[in-house]
């Protein structure tokens, strides 16, 4: 069959069935749009997860203290403060593969400002914490280590 004749037949069929042609085009447009949207959402979600994983830090090992059992209820890892700041210093000093060690202490507290009241997590650590986590400070300046005297 001649391609020009086939094109004329197709044009007449489209002109005679305008509603069917419009609905078919609409279905194709919606389908292609849905595929493009899903691919974009998937790539965006992937980028967000990768960014969150990157904020954890690279080549990092976290050591948590023991757990507690009280009244038959077992609290999970990190509920008993069995590790000390000296333990973190010893890990950094005695294990050659450890470049930086930063002990941290985490607790929850209520924070009140004006008429606002929030429950938040408070983390205390050393200045090395930011380097280990590969975190930068957006505003202000980092805190510095304070040398303690013996007996404090």
C-alpha atoms as a PDB file:
ATOM      1  CA  UNK A   1       0.000   0.000   0.000  1.00  0.00           C
ATOM      2  CA  UNK A   2       1.191   3.470  -0.831  1.00  0.00           C
ATOM      3  CA  UNK A   3       2.176   5.477   2.301  1.00  0.00           C
ATOM      4  CA  UNK A   4       0.384   8.564   0.963  1.00  0.00           C
ATOM      5  CA  UNK A   5      -2.893   6.618   0.578  1.00  0.00           C
ATOM      6  CA  UNK A   6      -2.524   5.201   4.110  1.00  0.00           C
ATOM      7  CA  UNK A   7      -1.998   8.721   5.448  1.00  0.00           C
ATOM      8  CA  UNK A   8      -5.181   9.961   3.706  1.00  0.00           C
ATOM      9  CA  UNK A   9      -7.204   7.050   5.141  1.00  0.00           C
ATOM     10  CA  UNK A  10      -5.863   7.732   8.645  1.00  0.00           C
ATOM     11  CA  UNK A  11      -6.667  11.454   8.332  1.00  0.00           C
ATOM     12  CA  UNK A  12     -10.272  10.688   7.279  1.00  0.00           C
ATOM     13  CA  UNK A  13     -10.696   8.189  10.154  1.00  0.00           C
ATOM     14  CA  UNK A  14      -9.456  10.783  12.653  1.00  0.00           C
ATOM     15  CA  UNK A  15     -11.748  13.459  11.214  1.00  0.00           C
ATOM     16  CA  UNK A  16     -14.819  11.183  11.364  1.00  0.00           C
ATOM     17  CA  UNK A  17     -14.102  10.015  14.943  1.00  0.00           C
ATOM     18  CA  UNK A  18     -13.045  13.265  16.634  1.00  0.00           C
ATOM     19  CA  UNK A  19     -14.201  12.282  20.137  1.00  0.00           C
ATOM     20  CA  UNK A  20     -12.427   8.914  19.972  1.00  0.00           C
ATOM     21  CA  UNK A  21      -9.288  10.627  18.643  1.00  0.00           C
ATOM     22  CA  UNK A  22      -9.378  13.295  21.372  1.00  0.00           C
ATOM     23  CA  UNK A  23      -9.850  10.692  24.126  1.00  0.00           C
ATOM     24  CA  UNK A  24      -7.026   8.562  22.742  1.00  0.00           C
ATOM     25  CA  UNK A  25      -4.701  11.576  22.652  1.00  0.00           C
ATOM     26  CA  UNK A  26      -5.761  12.538  26.177  1.00  0.00           C
ATOM     27  CA  UNK A  27      -5.033   9.004  27.435  1.00  0.00           C
ATOM     28  CA  UNK A  28      -1.588   9.056  25.850  1.00  0.00           C
ATOM     29  CA  UNK A  29      -0.806  12.514  27.269  1.00  0.00           C
ATOM     30  CA  UNK A  30      -1.906  11.491  30.781  1.00  0.00           C
ATOM     31  CA  UNK A  31       0.061   8.233  30.573  1.00  0.00           C
ATOM     32  CA  UNK A  32       3.294   9.889  29.443  1.00  0.00           C
ATOM     33  CA  UNK A  33       2.838  12.646  32.038  1.00  0.00           C
ATOM     34  CA  UNK A  34       2.322  10.064  34.795  1.00  0.00           C
ATOM     35  CA  UNK A  35       5.485   8.181  33.818  1.00  0.00           C
ATOM     36  CA  UNK A  36       7.527  11.405  33.761  1.00  0.00           C
ATOM     37  CA  UNK A  37       6.102  12.441  37.146  1.00  0.00           C
ATOM     38  CA  UNK A  38       6.848   9.073  38.762  1.00  0.00           C
ATOM     39  CA  UNK A  39      10.426   9.048  37.459  1.00  0.00           C
ATOM     40  CA  UNK A  40      10.961  12.604  38.757  1.00  0.00           C
ATOM     41  CA  UNK A  41       9.496  11.766  42.182  1.00  0.00           C
ATOM     42  CA  UNK A  42      11.679   8.651  42.370  1.00  0.00           C
ATOM     43  CA  UNK A  43      14.845  10.583  41.513  1.00  0.00           C
ATOM     44  CA  UNK A  44      13.955  13.313  44.021  1.00  0.00           C
ATOM     45  CA  UNK A  45      13.364  10.767  46.781  1.00  0.00           C
ATOM     46  CA  UNK A  46      16.643   9.039  45.934  1.00  0.00           C
ATOM     47  CA  UNK A  47      18.532  12.350  46.112  1.00  0.00           C
ATOM     48  CA  UNK A  48      16.943  13.181  49.475  1.00  0.00           C
ATOM     49  CA  UNK A  49      17.826   9.792  50.965  1.00  0.00           C
ATOM     50  CA  UNK A  50      21.403  10.076  49.685  1.00  0.00           C
ATOM     51  CA  UNK A  51      21.684  13.553  51.237  1.00  0.00           C
ATOM     52  CA  UNK A  52      20.422  12.242  54.593  1.00  0.00           C
ATOM     53  CA  UNK A  53      22.853   9.326  54.488  1.00  0.00           C
ATOM     54  CA  UNK A  54      25.685  11.751  53.683  1.00  0.00           C
ATOM     55  CA  UNK A  55      24.941  13.753  56.852  1.00  0.00           C
ATOM     56  CA  UNK A  56      25.562  10.676  58.985  1.00  0.00           C
ATOM     57  CA  UNK A  57      29.265  10.870  58.145  1.00  0.00           C
ATOM     58  CA  UNK A  58      31.611   8.585  56.299  1.00  0.00           C
ATOM     59  CA  UNK A  59      33.817   5.863  57.743  1.00  0.00           C
ATOM     60  CA  UNK A  60      32.184   6.232  61.125  1.00  0.00           C
ATOM     61  CA  UNK A  61      31.668   3.685  63.896  1.00  0.00           C
ATOM     62  CA  UNK A  62      29.314   4.473  66.762  1.00  0.00           C
ATOM     63  CA  UNK A  63      29.771   2.734  70.104  1.00  0.00           C
ATOM     64  CA  UNK A  64      26.795   2.786  72.459  1.00  0.00           C
ATOM     65  CA  UNK A  65      26.838   1.959  76.161  1.00  0.00           C
ATOM     66  CA  UNK A  66      24.880  -0.907  77.685  1.00  0.00           C
ATOM     67  CA  UNK A  67      21.173  -1.241  78.237  1.00  0.00           C
ATOM     68  CA  UNK A  68      19.067  -1.179  81.376  1.00  0.00           C
ATOM     69  CA  UNK A  69      16.447  -3.520  82.712  1.00  0.00           C
ATOM     70  CA  UNK A  70      14.102  -2.013  85.232  1.00  0.00           C
ATOM     71  CA  UNK A  71      10.906  -3.560  86.534  1.00  0.00           C
ATOM     72  CA  UNK A  72      11.008  -6.253  83.857  1.00  0.00           C
ATOM     73  CA  UNK A  73      11.257  -3.668  81.064  1.00  0.00           C
ATOM     74  CA  UNK A  74      14.427  -3.722  79.016  1.00  0.00           C
ATOM     75  CA  UNK A  75      15.477  -0.240  77.826  1.00  0.00           C
ATOM     76  CA  UNK A  76      17.525  -0.592  74.572  1.00  0.00           C
ATOM     77  CA  UNK A  77      21.112   0.037  73.775  1.00  0.00           C
ATOM     78  CA  UNK A  78      22.408   3.315  75.151  1.00  0.00           C
ATOM     79  CA  UNK A  79      20.033   3.589  78.109  1.00  0.00           C
ATOM     80  CA  UNK A  80      22.770   2.961  80.689  1.00  0.00           C
ATOM     81  CA  UNK A  81      25.695   5.408  80.757  1.00  0.00           C
ATOM     82  CA  UNK A  82      28.535   2.904  81.223  1.00  0.00           C
ATOM     83  CA  UNK A  83      31.028   4.654  78.922  1.00  0.00           C
ATOM     84  CA  UNK A  84      32.989   7.693  80.080  1.00  0.00           C
ATOM     85  CA  UNK A  85      34.812  10.553  78.381  1.00  0.00           C
ATOM     86  CA  UNK A  86      38.068   8.798  79.294  1.00  0.00           C
ATOM     87  CA  UNK A  87      36.877   5.736  77.340  1.00  0.00           C
ATOM     88  CA  UNK A  88      36.477   7.888  74.208  1.00  0.00           C
ATOM     89  CA  UNK A  89      39.923   9.438  74.758  1.00  0.00           C
ATOM     90  CA  UNK A  90      41.438   5.953  75.154  1.00  0.00           C
ATOM     91  CA  UNK A  91      39.785   4.737  71.942  1.00  0.00           C
ATOM     92  CA  UNK A  92      41.170   7.728  70.026  1.00  0.00           C
ATOM     93  CA  UNK A  93      44.620   7.344  71.576  1.00  0.00           C
ATOM     94  CA  UNK A  94      45.097   3.564  71.498  1.00  0.00           C
ATOM     95  CA  UNK A  95      43.439   2.490  68.240  1.00  0.00           C
ATOM     96  CA  UNK A  96      45.547   3.623  65.300  1.00  0.00           C
ATOM     97  CA  UNK A  97      42.682   3.319  62.796  1.00  0.00           C
ATOM     98  CA  UNK A  98      40.638   5.914  64.721  1.00  0.00           C
ATOM     99  CA  UNK A  99      41.446   9.429  63.541  1.00  0.00           C
ATOM    100  CA  UNK A 100      38.900  11.291  65.726  1.00  0.00           C
ATOM    101  CA  UNK A 101      36.743  10.256  68.674  1.00  0.00           C
ATOM    102  CA  UNK A 102      33.938  12.372  70.096  1.00  0.00           C
ATOM    103  CA  UNK A 103      31.933  11.266  73.107  1.00  0.00           C
ATOM    104  CA  UNK A 104      28.388  12.528  73.209  1.00  0.00           C
ATOM    105  CA  UNK A 105      25.593  12.649  75.718  1.00  0.00           C
ATOM    106  CA  UNK A 106      21.980  12.901  74.591  1.00  0.00           C
ATOM    107  CA  UNK A 107      18.861  13.781  76.547  1.00  0.00           C
ATOM    108  CA  UNK A 108      15.414  15.219  75.949  1.00  0.00           C
ATOM    109  CA  UNK A 109      14.123  18.437  77.463  1.00  0.00           C
ATOM    110  CA  UNK A 110      11.379  21.041  77.164  1.00  0.00           C
ATOM    111  CA  UNK A 111      12.466  24.271  75.473  1.00  0.00           C
ATOM    112  CA  UNK A 112      10.382  27.393  76.062  1.00  0.00           C
ATOM    113  CA  UNK A 113      10.658  30.620  74.059  1.00  0.00           C
ATOM    114  CA  UNK A 114       8.044  33.383  74.407  1.00  0.00           C
ATOM    115  CA  UNK A 115       4.721  31.511  74.246  1.00  0.00           C
ATOM    116  CA  UNK A 116       6.131  28.474  72.389  1.00  0.00           C
ATOM    117  CA  UNK A 117       6.951  25.175  74.119  1.00  0.00           C
ATOM    118  CA  UNK A 118       8.779  22.278  72.408  1.00  0.00           C
ATOM    119  CA  UNK A 119      10.096  18.897  73.449  1.00  0.00           C
ATOM    120  CA  UNK A 120      13.506  18.485  71.834  1.00  0.00           C
ATOM    121  CA  UNK A 121      16.675  16.403  71.924  1.00  0.00           C
ATOM    122  CA  UNK A 122      19.816  17.978  73.335  1.00  0.00           C
ATOM    123  CA  UNK A 123      23.213  16.519  72.387  1.00  0.00           C
ATOM    124  CA  UNK A 124      26.439  17.488  74.125  1.00  0.00           C
ATOM    125  CA  UNK A 125      29.791  16.595  72.620  1.00  0.00           C
ATOM    126  CA  UNK A 126      33.266  17.849  71.745  1.00  0.00           C
ATOM    127  CA  UNK A 127      34.271  20.022  68.765  1.00  0.00           C
ATOM    128  CA  UNK A 128      35.426  16.880  66.891  1.00  0.00           C
ATOM    129  CA  UNK A 129      31.755  15.843  66.641  1.00  0.00           C
ATOM    130  CA  UNK A 130      31.220  18.260  63.721  1.00  0.00           C
ATOM    131  CA  UNK A 131      34.261  16.973  61.823  1.00  0.00           C
ATOM    132  CA  UNK A 132      33.281  13.331  62.354  1.00  0.00           C
ATOM    133  CA  UNK A 133      29.739  13.957  61.129  1.00  0.00           C
ATOM    134  CA  UNK A 134      31.024  16.190  58.308  1.00  0.00           C
ATOM    135  CA  UNK A 135      28.630  18.941  59.404  1.00  0.00           C
ATOM    136  CA  UNK A 136      29.184  22.588  58.621  1.00  0.00           C
ATOM    137  CA  UNK A 137      27.870  25.501  60.650  1.00  0.00           C
ATOM    138  CA  UNK A 138      25.397  27.637  58.751  1.00  0.00           C
ATOM    139  CA  UNK A 139      25.418  30.570  61.128  1.00  0.00           C
ATOM    140  CA  UNK A 140      27.654  31.560  64.023  1.00  0.00           C
ATOM    141  CA  UNK A 141      30.886  29.885  65.057  1.00  0.00           C
ATOM    142  CA  UNK A 142      31.775  26.465  66.457  1.00  0.00           C
ATOM    143  CA  UNK A 143      32.401  25.953  70.143  1.00  0.00           C
ATOM    144  CA  UNK A 144      35.909  25.184  71.356  1.00  0.00           C
ATOM    145  CA  UNK A 145      37.158  22.601  73.802  1.00  0.00           C
ATOM    146  CA  UNK A 146      37.642  23.738  77.361  1.00  0.00           C
ATOM    147  CA  UNK A 147      40.563  22.111  79.128  1.00  0.00           C
ATOM    148  CA  UNK A 148      39.577  20.803  82.535  1.00  0.00           C
ATOM    149  CA  UNK A 149      41.947  20.758  85.458  1.00  0.00           C
ATOM    150  CA  UNK A 150      42.466  17.564  87.399  1.00  0.00           C
ATOM    151  CA  UNK A 151      39.955  17.046  90.136  1.00  0.00           C
ATOM    152  CA  UNK A 152      36.998  18.706  88.385  1.00  0.00           C
END
